Every structure is written in C-alpha cells, then in structure tokens.
Amino acid sequence: MNNTFLNCPYCGKTVMEGAMRCVACGKILQTPEEQSATIEKLQVKQKFNIKGLLKGSLTLMVLSVLYYYFSERIIAMIKSIAGL
C-alpha cells in the first residue's frame, strides 16, 4: 500500500492523504460528501473475490493431478535436461 502524507491546514501536523479528521487537532478535513465517497471506495476494495479464489483453486487442483500422474516423467525430463 502506497501512503502519501499531507500537512493539516489547521495545525500543520502530518496526516495521511484522504484522512477525514486530523489526529492531532481533531478538525474535520473532508466534507460529508467526500467522506461518503471515501467510505464507499474503501468498501468496494474490501469485497471478496470469489472468481479469483475459484481460478486459483482449480489451477492448483489441475497441477496436483498432473504431478500425481506424471511426476516420474517430469523428474526424468528435468534430470535429462540438467544432464544428471
């Protein structure tokens, strides 16, 4: 995560960009509309990616089955390529 920092316009202390409130002085740094947009954006990022999980699981299962049935051939091929 790439965090950038700005200075609070009220007290001059360092705050994270996009912060809703200054930690040092407690002043509100965003309008209610900006706060709602920030919260909505954070909620979208936190959604669970079921498609990615399914793709990863399927890939792992396919590779496991291939290794189970062809492991001896794969090891022999690697040894022949490496010259062992």
PDB file of N, CA and C in Angstrom:
ATOM      1  N   MET A   1       0.846  -1.164   0.000  1.00  0.00           N
ATOM      2  CA  MET A   1       0.000   0.000   0.000  1.00  0.00           C
ATOM      3  C   MET A   1       0.896   1.232   0.000  1.00  0.00           C
ATOM      4  N   ASN A   2       0.573   2.172  -0.846  1.00  0.00           N
ATOM      5  CA  ASN A   2       1.400   3.351  -1.005  1.00  0.00           C
ATOM      6  C   ASN A   2       0.718   4.526  -0.313  1.00  0.00           C
ATOM      7  N   ASN A   3       1.207   4.927   0.863  1.00  0.00           N
ATOM      8  CA  ASN A   3       0.607   6.023   1.627  1.00  0.00           C
ATOM      9  C   ASN A   3       1.362   7.309   1.352  1.00  0.00           C
ATOM     10  N   THR A   4       0.608   8.389   1.105  1.00  0.00           N
ATOM     11  CA  THR A   4       1.207   9.704   0.971  1.00  0.00           C
ATOM     12  C   THR A   4       0.673  10.565   2.110  1.00  0.00           C
ATOM     13  N   PHE A   5       1.466  11.521   2.502  1.00  0.00           N
ATOM     14  CA  PHE A   5       1.108  12.339   3.649  1.00  0.00           C
ATOM     15  C   PHE A   5       1.035  13.801   3.249  1.00  0.00           C
ATOM     16  N   LEU A   6       0.150  14.531   3.912  1.00  0.00           N
ATOM     17  CA  LEU A   6      -0.021  15.966   3.720  1.00  0.00           C
ATOM     18  C   LEU A   6       0.040  16.644   5.084  1.00  0.00           C
ATOM     19  N   ASN A   7       0.049  17.962   5.083  1.00  0.00           N
ATOM     20  CA  ASN A   7       0.009  18.714   6.332  1.00  0.00           C
ATOM     21  C   ASN A   7      -1.418  19.186   6.590  1.00  0.00           C
ATOM     22  N   CYS A   8      -1.835  19.132   7.841  1.00  0.00           N
ATOM     23  CA  CYS A   8      -3.162  19.608   8.240  1.00  0.00           C
ATOM     24  C   CYS A   8      -3.222  21.125   8.013  1.00  0.00           C
ATOM     25  N   PRO A   9      -4.286  21.621   7.350  1.00  0.00           N
ATOM     26  CA  PRO A   9      -4.374  23.068   7.123  1.00  0.00           C
ATOM     27  C   PRO A   9      -4.627  23.867   8.395  1.00  0.00           C
ATOM     28  N   TYR A  10      -5.023  23.204   9.479  1.00  0.00           N
ATOM     29  CA  TYR A  10      -5.325  23.908  10.720  1.00  0.00           C
ATOM     30  C   TYR A  10      -4.133  23.957  11.669  1.00  0.00           C
ATOM     31  N   CYS A  11      -3.482  22.809  11.887  1.00  0.00           N
ATOM     32  CA  CYS A  11      -2.401  22.774  12.873  1.00  0.00           C
ATOM     33  C   CYS A  11      -1.025  22.515  12.249  1.00  0.00           C
ATOM     34  N   GLY A  12      -0.975  22.073  10.986  1.00  0.00           N
ATOM     35  CA  GLY A  12       0.299  21.852  10.313  1.00  0.00           C
ATOM     36  C   GLY A  12       0.923  20.484  10.563  1.00  0.00           C
ATOM     37  N   LYS A  13       0.281  19.633  11.356  1.00  0.00           N
ATOM     38  CA  LYS A  13       0.817  18.293  11.615  1.00  0.00           C
ATOM     39  C   LYS A  13       0.621  17.415  10.392  1.00  0.00           C
ATOM     40  N   THR A  14       1.392  16.338  10.312  1.00  0.00           N
ATOM     41  CA  THR A  14       1.322  15.423   9.187  1.00  0.00           C
ATOM     42  C   THR A  14       0.125  14.488   9.331  1.00  0.00           C
ATOM     43  N   VAL A  15      -0.678  14.380   8.252  1.00  0.00           N
ATOM     44  CA  VAL A  15      -1.818  13.462   8.205  1.00  0.00           C
ATOM     45  C   VAL A  15      -1.767  12.705   6.885  1.00  0.00           C
ATOM     46  N   MET A  16      -2.372  11.521   6.863  1.00  0.00           N
ATOM     47  CA  MET A  16      -2.419  10.750   5.628  1.00  0.00           C
ATOM     48  C   MET A  16      -3.353  11.423   4.639  1.00  0.00           C
ATOM     49  N   GLU A  17      -2.986  11.342   3.363  1.00  0.00           N
ATOM     50  CA  GLU A  17      -3.844  11.895   2.327  1.00  0.00           C
ATOM     51  C   GLU A  17      -5.167  11.138   2.321  1.00  0.00           C
ATOM     52  N   GLY A  18      -6.271  11.865   2.284  1.00  0.00           N
ATOM     53  CA  GLY A  18      -7.588  11.248   2.311  1.00  0.00           C
ATOM     54  C   GLY A  18      -8.148  11.074   3.707  1.00  0.00           C
ATOM     55  N   ALA A  19      -7.394  11.498   4.728  1.00  0.00           N
ATOM     56  CA  ALA A  19      -7.883  11.374   6.106  1.00  0.00           C
ATOM     57  C   ALA A  19      -9.111  12.251   6.294  1.00  0.00           C
ATOM     58  N   MET A  20     -10.069  11.756   7.078  1.00  0.00           N
ATOM     59  CA  MET A  20     -11.298  12.513   7.316  1.00  0.00           C
ATOM     60  C   MET A  20     -11.139  13.515   8.454  1.00  0.00           C
ATOM     61  N   ARG A  21     -10.224  13.204   9.381  1.00  0.00           N
ATOM     62  CA  ARG A  21     -10.050  14.051  10.553  1.00  0.00           C
ATOM     63  C   ARG A  21      -8.570  14.074  10.927  1.00  0.00           C
ATOM     64  N   CYS A  22      -8.087  15.215  11.376  1.00  0.00           N
ATOM     65  CA  CYS A  22      -6.703  15.339  11.828  1.00  0.00           C
ATOM     66  C   CYS A  22      -6.585  14.680  13.206  1.00  0.00           C
ATOM     67  N   VAL A  23      -5.597  13.817  13.356  1.00  0.00           N
ATOM     68  CA  VAL A  23      -5.396  13.118  14.625  1.00  0.00           C
ATOM     69  C   VAL A  23      -4.896  14.089  15.694  1.00  0.00           C
ATOM     70  N   ALA A  24      -4.103  15.074  15.291  1.00  0.00           N
ATOM     71  CA  ALA A  24      -3.506  15.988  16.263  1.00  0.00           C
ATOM     72  C   ALA A  24      -4.514  17.004  16.816  1.00  0.00           C
ATOM     73  N   CYS A  25      -5.228  17.698  15.924  1.00  0.00           N
ATOM     74  CA  CYS A  25      -6.112  18.769  16.404  1.00  0.00           C
ATOM     75  C   CYS A  25      -7.586  18.384  16.396  1.00  0.00           C
ATOM     76  N   GLY A  26      -7.948  17.307  15.698  1.00  0.00           N
ATOM     77  CA  GLY A  26      -9.324  16.835  15.693  1.00  0.00           C
ATOM     78  C   GLY A  26     -10.239  17.540  14.708  1.00  0.00           C
ATOM     79  N   LYS A  27      -9.707  18.433  13.891  1.00  0.00           N
ATOM     80  CA  LYS A  27     -10.538  19.156  12.925  1.00  0.00           C
ATOM     81  C   LYS A  27     -10.933  18.223  11.774  1.00  0.00           C
ATOM     82  N   ILE A  28     -12.142  18.436  11.235  1.00  0.00           N
ATOM     83  CA  ILE A  28     -12.628  17.666  10.101  1.00  0.00           C
ATOM     84  C   ILE A  28     -11.960  18.205   8.833  1.00  0.00           C
ATOM     85  N   LEU A  29     -11.389  17.294   8.050  1.00  0.00           N
ATOM     86  CA  LEU A  29     -10.644  17.698   6.863  1.00  0.00           C
ATOM     87  C   LEU A  29     -11.421  17.497   5.565  1.00  0.00           C
ATOM     88  N   GLN A  30     -12.537  16.751   5.606  1.00  0.00           N
ATOM     89  CA  GLN A  30     -13.312  16.491   4.399  1.00  0.00           C
ATOM     90  C   GLN A  30     -14.768  16.881   4.609  1.00  0.00           C
ATOM     91  N   THR A  31     -15.431  17.222   3.506  1.00  0.00           N
ATOM     92  CA  THR A  31     -16.867  17.493   3.563  1.00  0.00           C
ATOM     93  C   THR A  31     -17.602  16.163   3.714  1.00  0.00           C
ATOM     94  N   PRO A  32     -18.853  16.186   4.139  1.00  0.00           N
ATOM     95  CA  PRO A  32     -19.608  14.930   4.266  1.00  0.00           C
ATOM     96  C   PRO A  32     -19.678  14.136   2.960  1.00  0.00           C
ATOM     97  N   GLU A  33     -19.759  14.827   1.816  1.00  0.00           N
ATOM     98  CA  GLU A  33     -19.803  14.144   0.525  1.00  0.00           C
ATOM     99  C   GLU A  33     -18.483  13.430   0.248  1.00  0.00           C
ATOM    100  N   GLU A  34     -17.379  14.085   0.550  1.00  0.00           N
ATOM    101  CA  GLU A  34     -16.066  13.473   0.359  1.00  0.00           C
ATOM    102  C   GLU A  34     -15.894  12.280   1.304  1.00  0.00           C
ATOM    103  N   GLN A  35     -16.389  12.404   2.530  1.00  0.00           N
ATOM    104  CA  GLN A  35     -16.312  11.295   3.478  1.00  0.00           C
ATOM    105  C   GLN A  35     -17.100  10.095   2.980  1.00  0.00           C
ATOM    106  N   SER A  36     -18.304  10.322   2.462  1.00  0.00           N
ATOM    107  CA  SER A  36     -19.123   9.228   1.926  1.00  0.00           C
ATOM    108  C   SER A  36     -18.439   8.558   0.752  1.00  0.00           C
ATOM    109  N   ALA A  37     -17.826   9.351  -0.120  1.00  0.00           N
ATOM    110  CA  ALA A  37     -17.127   8.790  -1.278  1.00  0.00           C
ATOM    111  C   ALA A  37     -15.933   7.952  -0.835  1.00  0.00           C
ATOM    112  N   THR A  38     -15.200   8.417   0.167  1.00  0.00           N
ATOM    113  CA  THR A  38     -14.046   7.672   0.674  1.00  0.00           C
ATOM    114  C   THR A  38     -14.487   6.352   1.295  1.00  0.00           C
ATOM    115  N   ILE A  39     -15.543   6.371   2.078  1.00  0.00           N
ATOM    116  CA  ILE A  39     -16.050   5.151   2.709  1.00  0.00           C
ATOM    117  C   ILE A  39     -16.524   4.162   1.647  1.00  0.00           C
ATOM    118  N   GLU A  40     -17.230   4.658   0.629  1.00  0.00           N
ATOM    119  CA  GLU A  40     -17.718   3.795  -0.442  1.00  0.00           C
ATOM    120  C   GLU A  40     -16.557   3.159  -1.201  1.00  0.00           C
ATOM    121  N   LYS A  41     -15.519   3.946  -1.452  1.00  0.00           N
ATOM    122  CA  LYS A  41     -14.349   3.430  -2.170  1.00  0.00           C
ATOM    123  C   LYS A  41     -13.648   2.343  -1.360  1.00  0.00           C
ATOM    124  N   LEU A  42     -13.550   2.512  -0.051  1.00  0.00           N
ATOM    125  CA  LEU A  42     -12.922   1.509   0.802  1.00  0.00           C
ATOM    126  C   LEU A  42     -13.754   0.230   0.856  1.00  0.00           C
ATOM    127  N   GLN A  43     -15.061   0.357   0.870  1.00  0.00           N
ATOM    128  CA  GLN A  43     -15.923  -0.817   0.912  1.00  0.00           C
ATOM    129  C   GLN A  43     -15.837  -1.610  -0.379  1.00  0.00           C
ATOM    130  N   VAL A  44     -15.682  -0.949  -1.510  1.00  0.00           N
ATOM    131  CA  VAL A  44     -15.551  -1.639  -2.795  1.00  0.00           C
ATOM    132  C   VAL A  44     -14.253  -2.441  -2.812  1.00  0.00           C
ATOM    133  N   LYS A  45     -13.185  -1.916  -2.261  1.00  0.00           N
ATOM    134  CA  LYS A  45     -11.896  -2.612  -2.240  1.00  0.00           C
ATOM    135  C   LYS A  45     -11.944  -3.860  -1.368  1.00  0.00           C
ATOM    136  N   GLN A  46     -12.833  -3.905  -0.388  1.00  0.00           N
ATOM    137  CA  GLN A  46     -12.856  -4.998   0.569  1.00  0.00           C
ATOM    138  C   GLN A  46     -13.758  -6.156   0.142  1.00  0.00           C
ATOM    139  N   LYS A  47     -14.379  -6.080  -1.035  1.00  0.00           N
ATOM    140  CA  LYS A  47     -15.239  -7.168  -1.478  1.00  0.00           C
ATOM    141  C   LYS A  47     -14.422  -8.423  -1.711  1.00  0.00           C
ATOM    142  N   PHE A  48     -15.023  -9.565  -1.415  1.00  0.00           N
ATOM    143  CA  PHE A  48     -14.363 -10.851  -1.555  1.00  0.00           C
ATOM    144  C   PHE A  48     -14.350 -11.253  -3.021  1.00  0.00           C
ATOM    145  N   ASN A  49     -13.184 -11.665  -3.518  1.00  0.00           N
ATOM    146  CA  ASN A  49     -13.026 -12.026  -4.918  1.00  0.00           C
ATOM    147  C   ASN A  49     -13.181 -13.534  -5.076  1.00  0.00           C
ATOM    148  N   ILE A  50     -14.423 -14.009  -5.258  1.00  0.00           N
ATOM    149  CA  ILE A  50     -14.693 -15.438  -5.350  1.00  0.00           C
ATOM    150  C   ILE A  50     -14.174 -16.010  -6.663  1.00  0.00           C
ATOM    151  N   LYS A  51     -14.209 -15.231  -7.738  1.00  0.00           N
ATOM    152  CA  LYS A  51     -13.729 -15.723  -9.038  1.00  0.00           C
ATOM    153  C   LYS A  51     -12.230 -16.006  -8.983  1.00  0.00           C
ATOM    154  N   GLY A  52     -11.487 -15.128  -8.368  1.00  0.00           N
ATOM    155  CA  GLY A  52     -10.048 -15.336  -8.239  1.00  0.00           C
ATOM    156  C   GLY A  52      -9.730 -16.555  -7.390  1.00  0.00           C
ATOM    157  N   LEU A  53     -10.491 -16.747  -6.330  1.00  0.00           N
ATOM    158  CA  LEU A  53     -10.299 -17.904  -5.467  1.00  0.00           C
ATOM    159  C   LEU A  53     -10.598 -19.196  -6.224  1.00  0.00           C
ATOM    160  N   LEU A  54     -11.673 -19.205  -6.998  1.00  0.00           N
ATOM    161  CA  LEU A  54     -12.022 -20.397  -7.773  1.00  0.00           C
ATOM    162  C   LEU A  54     -10.983 -20.702  -8.843  1.00  0.00           C
ATOM    163  N   LYS A  55     -10.493 -19.678  -9.532  1.00  0.00           N
ATOM    164  CA  LYS A  55      -9.456 -19.879 -10.554  1.00  0.00           C
ATOM    165  C   LYS A  55      -8.187 -20.444  -9.933  1.00  0.00           C
ATOM    166  N   GLY A  56      -7.777 -19.898  -8.812  1.00  0.00           N
ATOM    167  CA  GLY A  56      -6.580 -20.369  -8.129  1.00  0.00           C
ATOM    168  C   GLY A  56      -6.727 -21.797  -7.640  1.00  0.00           C
ATOM    169  N   SER A  57      -7.898 -22.113  -7.081  1.00  0.00           N
ATOM    170  CA  SER A  57      -8.143 -23.474  -6.593  1.00  0.00           C
ATOM    171  C   SER A  57      -8.154 -24.473  -7.734  1.00  0.00           C
ATOM    172  N   LEU A  58      -8.808 -24.126  -8.830  1.00  0.00           N
ATOM    173  CA  LEU A  58      -8.865 -25.010  -9.990  1.00  0.00           C
ATOM    174  C   LEU A  58      -7.475 -25.233 -10.570  1.00  0.00           C
ATOM    175  N   THR A  59      -6.690 -24.178 -10.670  1.00  0.00           N
ATOM    176  CA  THR A  59      -5.319 -24.309 -11.176  1.00  0.00           C
ATOM    177  C   THR A  59      -4.494 -25.217 -10.283  1.00  0.00           C
ATOM    178  N   LEU A  60      -4.610 -25.056  -8.988  1.00  0.00           N
ATOM    179  CA  LEU A  60      -3.874 -25.886  -8.044  1.00  0.00           C
ATOM    180  C   LEU A  60      -4.291 -27.348  -8.144  1.00  0.00           C
ATOM    181  N   MET A  61      -5.590 -27.591  -8.305  1.00  0.00           N
ATOM    182  CA  MET A  61      -6.057 -28.973  -8.444  1.00  0.00           C
ATOM    183  C   MET A  61      -5.548 -29.615  -9.728  1.00  0.00           C
ATOM    184  N   VAL A  62      -5.590 -28.869 -10.826  1.00  0.00           N
ATOM    185  CA  VAL A  62      -5.104 -29.407 -12.106  1.00  0.00           C
ATOM    186  C   VAL A  62      -3.619 -29.715 -12.025  1.00  0.00           C
ATOM    187  N   LEU A  63      -2.845 -28.814 -11.459  1.00  0.00           N
ATOM    188  CA  LEU A  63      -1.406 -29.049 -11.329  1.00  0.00           C
ATOM    189  C   LEU A  63      -1.123 -30.232 -10.408  1.00  0.00           C
ATOM    190  N   SER A  64      -1.910 -30.386  -9.356  1.00  0.00           N
ATOM    191  CA  SER A  64      -1.730 -31.520  -8.444  1.00  0.00           C
ATOM    192  C   SER A  64      -2.016 -32.842  -9.139  1.00  0.00           C
ATOM    193  N   VAL A  65      -3.076 -32.901  -9.921  1.00  0.00           N
ATOM    194  CA  VAL A  65      -3.410 -34.125 -10.655  1.00  0.00           C
ATOM    195  C   VAL A  65      -2.321 -34.438 -11.685  1.00  0.00           C
ATOM    196  N   LEU A  66      -1.871 -33.437 -12.408  1.00  0.00           N
ATOM    197  CA  LEU A  66      -0.806 -33.653 -13.394  1.00  0.00           C
ATOM    198  C   LEU A  66       0.465 -34.157 -12.726  1.00  0.00           C
ATOM    199  N   TYR A  67       0.816 -33.568 -11.601  1.00  0.00           N
ATOM    200  CA  TYR A  67       2.018 -34.006 -10.897  1.00  0.00           C
ATOM    201  C   TYR A  67       1.858 -35.432 -10.382  1.00  0.00           C
ATOM    202  N   TYR A  68       0.673 -35.764  -9.888  1.00  0.00           N
ATOM    203  CA  TYR A  68       0.427 -37.108  -9.353  1.00  0.00           C
ATOM    204  C   TYR A  68       0.625 -38.168 -10.445  1.00  0.00           C
ATOM    205  N   TYR A  69       0.094 -37.909 -11.626  1.00  0.00           N
ATOM    206  CA  TYR A  69       0.160 -38.910 -12.690  1.00  0.00           C
ATOM    207  C   TYR A  69       1.468 -38.872 -13.478  1.00  0.00           C
ATOM    208  N   PHE A  70       2.115 -37.717 -13.543  1.00  0.00           N
ATOM    209  CA  PHE A  70       3.292 -37.585 -14.400  1.00  0.00           C
ATOM    210  C   PHE A  70       4.556 -37.187 -13.654  1.00  0.00           C
ATOM    211  N   SER A  71       4.609 -37.358 -12.345  1.00  0.00           N
ATOM    212  CA  SER A  71       5.759 -36.890 -11.575  1.00  0.00           C
ATOM    213  C   SER A  71       7.050 -37.600 -11.978  1.00  0.00           C
ATOM    214  N   GLU A  72       6.982 -38.895 -12.216  1.00  0.00           N
ATOM    215  CA  GLU A  72       8.196 -39.628 -12.598  1.00  0.00           C
ATOM    216  C   GLU A  72       8.727 -39.148 -13.945  1.00  0.00           C
ATOM    217  N   ARG A  73       7.834 -38.924 -14.890  1.00  0.00           N
ATOM    218  CA  ARG A  73       8.255 -38.418 -16.205  1.00  0.00           C
ATOM    219  C   ARG A  73       8.833 -37.011 -16.094  1.00  0.00           C
ATOM    220  N   ILE A  74       8.204 -36.171 -15.272  1.00  0.00           N
ATOM    221  CA  ILE A  74       8.683 -34.793 -15.102  1.00  0.00           C
ATOM    222  C   ILE A  74      10.069 -34.798 -14.489  1.00  0.00           C
ATOM    223  N   ILE A  75      10.282 -35.614 -13.458  1.00  0.00           N
ATOM    224  CA  ILE A  75      11.603 -35.681 -12.802  1.00  0.00           C
ATOM    225  C   ILE A  75      12.642 -36.219 -13.771  1.00  0.00           C
ATOM    226  N   ALA A  76      12.294 -37.241 -14.558  1.00  0.00           N
ATOM    227  CA  ALA A  76      13.230 -37.786 -15.546  1.00  0.00           C
ATOM    228  C   ALA A  76      13.573 -36.752 -16.602  1.00  0.00           C
ATOM    229  N   MET A  77      12.596 -35.995 -17.051  1.00  0.00           N
ATOM    230  CA  MET A  77      12.839 -34.968 -18.064  1.00  0.00           C
ATOM    231  C   MET A  77      13.749 -33.871 -17.500  1.00  0.00           C
ATOM    232  N   ILE A  78      13.522 -33.456 -16.275  1.00  0.00           N
ATOM    233  CA  ILE A  78      14.365 -32.428 -15.648  1.00  0.00           C
ATOM    234  C   ILE A  78      15.790 -32.920 -15.489  1.00  0.00           C
ATOM    235  N   LYS A  79      15.938 -34.195 -15.104  1.00  0.00           N
ATOM    236  CA  LYS A  79      17.273 -34.762 -14.954  1.00  0.00           C
ATOM    237  C   LYS A  79      17.977 -34.829 -16.295  1.00  0.00           C
ATOM    238  N   SER A  80      17.271 -35.192 -17.363  1.00  0.00           N
ATOM    239  CA  SER A  80      17.910 -35.276 -18.683  1.00  0.00           C
ATOM    240  C   SER A  80      18.305 -33.894 -19.201  1.00  0.00           C
ATOM    241  N   ILE A  81      17.483 -32.894 -18.890  1.00  0.00           N
ATOM    242  CA  ILE A  81      17.814 -31.524 -19.311  1.00  0.00           C
ATOM    243  C   ILE A  81      19.016 -31.015 -18.527  1.00  0.00           C
ATOM    244  N   ALA A  82      19.061 -31.304 -17.238  1.00  0.00           N
ATOM    245  CA  ALA A  82      20.152 -30.839 -16.389  1.00  0.00           C
ATOM    246  C   ALA A  82      21.425 -31.649 -16.607  1.00  0.00           C
ATOM    247  N   GLY A  83      21.301 -32.802 -17.264  1.00  0.00           N
ATOM    248  CA  GLY A  83      22.479 -33.616 -17.539  1.00  0.00           C
ATOM    249  C   GLY A  83      22.905 -34.463 -16.356  1.00  0.00           C
ATOM    250  N   LEU A  84      21.997 -34.801 -15.481  1.00  0.00           N
ATOM    251  CA  LEU A  84      22.318 -35.625 -14.307  1.00  0.00           C
ATOM    252  C   LEU A  84      22.186 -37.086 -14.608  1.00  0.00           C
TER     253      LEU A  84
END
